[in-house]
Protein backbone atom coordinates (compact mmCIF):
# COMPACT_ATOMS: atom_id res chain seq x y z
CA UNK A 1 26.50 26.84 1.73
CA UNK A 2 24.12 23.77 1.43
CA UNK A 3 21.19 26.10 1.01
CA UNK A 4 22.87 27.82 -1.82
CA UNK A 5 23.81 24.57 -3.54
CA UNK A 6 20.44 23.26 -2.98
CA UNK A 7 18.84 26.31 -4.69
CA UNK A 8 21.12 26.05 -7.69
CA UNK A 9 20.10 22.30 -8.02
CA UNK A 10 16.53 22.98 -7.75
CA UNK A 11 16.44 25.80 -10.24
CA UNK A 12 18.07 23.63 -13.19
CA UNK A 13 14.76 22.30 -14.12
CA UNK A 14 11.20 23.69 -13.63
CA UNK A 15 9.16 21.23 -11.72
CA UNK A 16 5.71 21.36 -10.34
CA UNK A 17 5.09 19.25 -7.08
CA UNK A 18 1.98 18.58 -5.58
CA UNK A 19 -0.25 16.81 -3.09
CA UNK A 20 -3.26 16.41 -5.43
CA UNK A 21 -5.58 15.10 -2.91
CA UNK A 22 -5.54 18.17 -0.75
CA UNK A 23 -4.82 20.79 -3.63
CA UNK A 24 -1.31 21.89 -2.67
CA UNK A 25 1.09 22.67 -5.38
CA UNK A 26 4.39 24.41 -5.58
CA UNK A 27 7.25 25.23 -8.20
CA UNK A 28 9.70 26.93 -6.03
CA UNK A 29 10.93 27.64 -2.60
CA UNK A 30 8.76 30.90 -2.20
CA UNK A 31 5.65 28.70 -2.83
CA UNK A 32 6.92 26.40 -0.17
CA UNK A 33 7.27 29.23 2.31
CA UNK A 34 3.69 30.50 1.68
CA UNK A 35 2.28 27.04 1.83
CA UNK A 36 3.97 26.40 5.25
CA UNK A 37 2.90 29.85 6.56
CA UNK A 38 -0.72 29.22 5.45
CA UNK A 39 -0.50 25.79 7.08
CA UNK A 40 -3.93 24.53 5.64
CA UNK A 41 -2.72 20.99 5.17
CA UNK A 42 -4.42 18.38 7.23
CA UNK A 43 -2.41 16.04 9.42
CA UNK A 44 -3.09 13.26 7.26
CA UNK A 45 -0.29 14.47 4.85
CA UNK A 46 1.97 12.68 7.44
CA UNK A 47 0.25 9.23 6.46
CA UNK A 48 0.45 9.96 2.91
CA UNK A 49 4.35 10.15 3.01
CA UNK A 50 4.47 7.27 5.30
CA UNK A 51 2.54 5.14 2.65
CA UNK A 52 4.40 6.56 -0.15
CA UNK A 53 7.66 5.46 1.05
CA UNK A 54 6.38 2.18 2.57
CA UNK A 55 7.62 3.57 5.99
CA UNK A 56 6.34 1.73 9.11
CA UNK A 57 4.49 3.26 12.10
CA UNK A 58 7.52 3.63 14.04
CA UNK A 59 8.89 6.02 11.30
CA UNK A 60 6.08 8.52 12.28
CA UNK A 61 8.40 9.93 15.08
CA UNK A 62 11.80 9.49 13.04
CA UNK A 63 10.55 11.61 10.00
CA UNK A 64 7.88 13.83 11.61
CA UNK A 65 8.66 13.90 15.38
CA UNK A 66 5.27 12.75 16.27
CA UNK A 67 4.49 9.46 17.99
CA UNK A 68 1.92 7.46 16.26
CA UNK A 69 -0.57 7.36 18.93
CA UNK A 70 -0.49 11.20 18.87
CA UNK A 71 -0.87 11.24 15.17
CA UNK A 72 -3.99 9.11 15.29
CA UNK A 73 -5.54 11.39 18.01
CA UNK A 74 -4.64 14.63 15.93
CA UNK A 75 -6.08 12.85 12.89
CA UNK A 76 -9.28 12.01 14.69
CA UNK A 77 -9.60 15.65 15.70
CA UNK A 78 -9.12 16.78 11.94
CA UNK A 79 -6.16 18.97 12.94
CA UNK A 80 -3.91 20.68 10.56
CA UNK A 81 -0.22 19.80 10.07
CA UNK A 82 2.19 22.15 11.85
CA UNK A 83 5.12 23.98 10.18
CA UNK A 84 7.57 21.21 11.06
CA UNK A 85 5.44 18.27 9.73
CA UNK A 86 4.54 20.13 6.46
CA UNK A 87 8.10 21.33 5.71
CA UNK A 88 9.24 17.62 6.16
CA UNK A 89 6.49 16.40 4.20
CA UNK A 90 7.16 18.74 1.26
CA UNK A 91 10.77 17.86 1.14
CA UNK A 92 10.09 14.13 1.27
CA UNK A 93 7.65 14.54 -1.61
CA UNK A 94 10.08 16.36 -3.75
CA UNK A 95 12.76 13.60 -3.12
CA UNK A 96 10.16 10.88 -3.87
CA UNK A 97 9.07 12.73 -7.17
CA UNK A 98 12.82 13.27 -8.25
CA UNK A 99 13.49 9.45 -7.27
CA UNK A 100 10.70 8.20 -9.45
CA UNK A 101 11.81 10.49 -12.24
CA UNK A 102 15.42 9.40 -12.02
CA UNK A 103 14.80 5.73 -11.43
CA UNK A 104 11.62 5.36 -13.60
CA UNK A 105 10.22 2.84 -11.11
CA UNK A 106 9.30 2.87 -7.58
CA UNK A 107 10.59 -0.49 -6.78
CA UNK A 108 14.05 0.61 -8.13
CA UNK A 109 13.92 3.81 -6.21
CA UNK A 110 12.83 2.13 -3.08
CA UNK A 111 15.81 -0.30 -3.47
CA UNK A 112 18.21 2.56 -4.03
CA UNK A 113 16.95 4.16 -0.90
CA UNK A 114 17.49 1.05 1.36
CA UNK A 115 21.03 0.43 -0.10
CA UNK A 116 24.17 1.53 1.58
CA UNK A 117 25.93 4.31 -0.45
CA UNK A 118 29.58 5.13 -0.65
CA UNK A 119 28.51 8.77 -1.51
CA UNK A 120 26.63 8.87 1.74
CA UNK A 121 29.36 7.83 4.00
CA UNK A 122 28.54 4.17 3.61
CA UNK A 123 24.90 4.64 4.93
CA UNK A 124 21.68 4.21 3.04
CA UNK A 125 19.75 7.20 1.89
CA UNK A 126 16.62 6.25 4.10
CA UNK A 127 19.02 6.35 7.18
CA UNK A 128 19.71 10.03 6.45
CA UNK A 129 16.24 11.31 5.22
CA UNK A 130 15.06 12.38 8.66
CA UNK A 131 17.24 15.32 8.90
CA UNK A 132 17.55 18.62 6.77
CA UNK A 133 21.25 17.96 5.89
CA UNK A 134 20.47 14.32 5.07
CA UNK A 135 17.68 15.27 2.59
CA UNK A 136 19.98 17.78 0.95
CA UNK A 137 22.63 14.96 0.40
CA UNK A 138 19.98 12.61 -1.02
CA UNK A 139 18.53 15.25 -3.26
CA UNK A 140 21.97 16.36 -4.59
CA UNK A 141 22.87 12.60 -5.09
CA UNK A 142 19.85 11.99 -7.09
CA UNK A 143 20.42 15.06 -9.33
CA UNK A 144 23.88 13.65 -9.83
CA UNK A 145 22.63 10.29 -10.94
CA UNK A 146 19.94 11.90 -13.03
CA UNK A 147 22.68 13.96 -14.95
CA UNK A 148 25.03 10.91 -15.15
CA UNK A 149 27.57 11.91 -12.63
CA UNK A 150 27.14 8.61 -10.67
CA UNK A 151 27.19 5.55 -12.63
């Protein structure tokens, strides 16, 4: 049911998402599946997301299931991101882009991410971003804000 709901929300507006620096672009879930299957993205995609969200080094494990020291080793070896890492990076990038679009400002979006939210069971959006279900909740909440359903 969550996947069906997520698909309906995503299909309302045509968005093009991308990691410009590495030439990855997508518009829909089929593009995402192809990107993940090809898995040509460098492991540095993790660092890109960490910096985008102003996360700390301890967040590598929480959001990507990779220890910071392991990440550094894999980065030094120029390894590619695995399916899990790439899937999480894509989902977090979509949320980030929607958050910027919804709030119009990175600082406002970052403030919202860290603030406890009644619609999320009294927890902050950042605290639930590390799971698929949590990311779906954050994405749906951002869409509701965007369309004026949460004031």
